[in-house]
Amino acid sequence: MKSHVRTVASVLVSLFFVTVGTLRLKAQIVNGIRAHLDHSFVIGNTTLPPGEYTFRMVDNTDLSMMTATSENNKVSVDFIV
């Protein structure tokens, strides 16, 4: 009986900490994300050619806007997320 109570208590304590931890977590993109795209794709009304792109959050937009920039910096498109 004591081992059963200990098991239940440890599970409840673990669930408490997991629940508290998840409430404090926020998924945010801090660094740029690099991607190789083998096909053209559309952002808004702009069609971008295949290639290497970096996606990053735009500063001072309250995490509501991103930019996609090609590897050679020829193409850059901002979009709302």
Protein backbone atom coordinates (compact mmCIF):
# COMPACT_ATOMS: atom_id res chain seq x y z
CA MET A 1 0.00 0.00 0.00
CA LYS A 2 2.82 2.43 0.85
CA SER A 3 4.51 1.88 -2.52
CA HIS A 4 1.20 2.52 -4.29
CA VAL A 5 0.74 5.82 -2.44
CA ARG A 6 4.32 6.83 -3.26
CA THR A 7 3.80 6.05 -6.93
CA VAL A 8 0.58 8.05 -7.11
CA ALA A 9 2.16 10.94 -5.19
CA SER A 10 5.20 11.04 -7.49
CA VAL A 11 2.95 10.99 -10.59
CA LEU A 12 0.84 13.84 -9.22
CA VAL A 13 3.90 15.92 -8.35
CA SER A 14 5.34 15.29 -11.82
CA LEU A 15 2.08 16.32 -13.49
CA PHE A 16 2.00 19.49 -11.40
CA PHE A 17 5.49 20.53 -12.51
CA VAL A 18 4.81 19.66 -16.14
CA THR A 19 1.60 21.69 -16.10
CA VAL A 20 3.26 24.70 -14.46
CA GLY A 21 6.19 24.45 -16.90
CA THR A 22 4.01 24.39 -20.00
CA LEU A 23 2.09 27.46 -18.91
CA ARG A 24 5.35 29.44 -18.85
CA LEU A 25 6.64 28.23 -22.22
CA LYS A 26 6.18 30.30 -25.36
CA ALA A 27 7.27 29.14 -28.79
CA GLN A 28 9.27 31.94 -30.34
CA ILE A 29 11.65 32.03 -33.26
CA VAL A 30 14.75 33.75 -31.92
CA ASN A 31 17.23 32.98 -34.68
CA GLY A 32 16.67 32.83 -38.41
CA ILE A 33 15.51 29.57 -39.96
CA ARG A 34 17.40 28.48 -43.07
CA ALA A 35 15.57 26.38 -45.64
CA HIS A 36 16.38 24.93 -49.04
CA LEU A 37 13.27 24.88 -51.23
CA ASP A 38 13.32 22.76 -54.39
CA HIS A 39 10.26 24.43 -55.86
CA SER A 40 8.86 27.91 -56.28
CA PHE A 41 6.46 29.12 -53.59
CA VAL A 42 4.11 32.02 -53.02
CA ILE A 43 4.05 34.55 -50.18
CA GLY A 44 1.16 36.97 -50.50
CA ASN A 45 1.11 37.92 -54.17
CA THR A 46 4.85 37.28 -54.76
CA THR A 47 6.13 34.05 -56.30
CA LEU A 48 9.63 33.20 -55.11
CA PRO A 49 11.97 30.93 -57.11
CA PRO A 50 13.56 27.75 -55.71
CA GLY A 51 16.69 28.23 -53.61
CA GLU A 52 18.10 28.85 -50.15
CA TYR A 53 16.06 31.17 -47.93
CA THR A 54 16.33 32.55 -44.42
CA PHE A 55 13.11 33.19 -42.51
CA ARG A 56 13.31 35.50 -39.50
CA MET A 57 11.08 37.64 -37.33
CA VAL A 58 11.03 41.37 -38.11
CA ASP A 59 12.20 43.50 -35.17
CA ASN A 60 9.71 45.74 -33.34
CA THR A 61 6.60 44.05 -34.78
CA ASP A 62 5.51 42.23 -31.62
CA LEU A 63 6.31 38.89 -33.31
CA SER A 64 3.60 39.46 -35.91
CA MET A 65 5.73 39.80 -39.04
CA MET A 66 8.40 37.65 -40.69
CA THR A 67 10.69 38.16 -43.63
CA ALA A 68 11.92 35.63 -46.18
CA THR A 69 15.28 36.53 -47.73
CA SER A 70 17.07 34.62 -50.49
CA GLU A 71 20.65 33.48 -49.96
CA ASN A 72 22.05 36.16 -52.29
CA ASN A 73 19.77 38.87 -50.79
CA LYS A 74 18.17 39.50 -54.20
CA VAL A 75 14.67 38.64 -52.99
CA SER A 76 13.12 39.70 -49.69
CA VAL A 77 9.44 39.50 -48.78
CA ASP A 78 7.75 40.50 -45.51
CA PHE A 79 4.57 38.72 -44.40
CA ILE A 80 2.22 38.64 -41.44
CA VAL A 81 2.24 35.56 -39.22
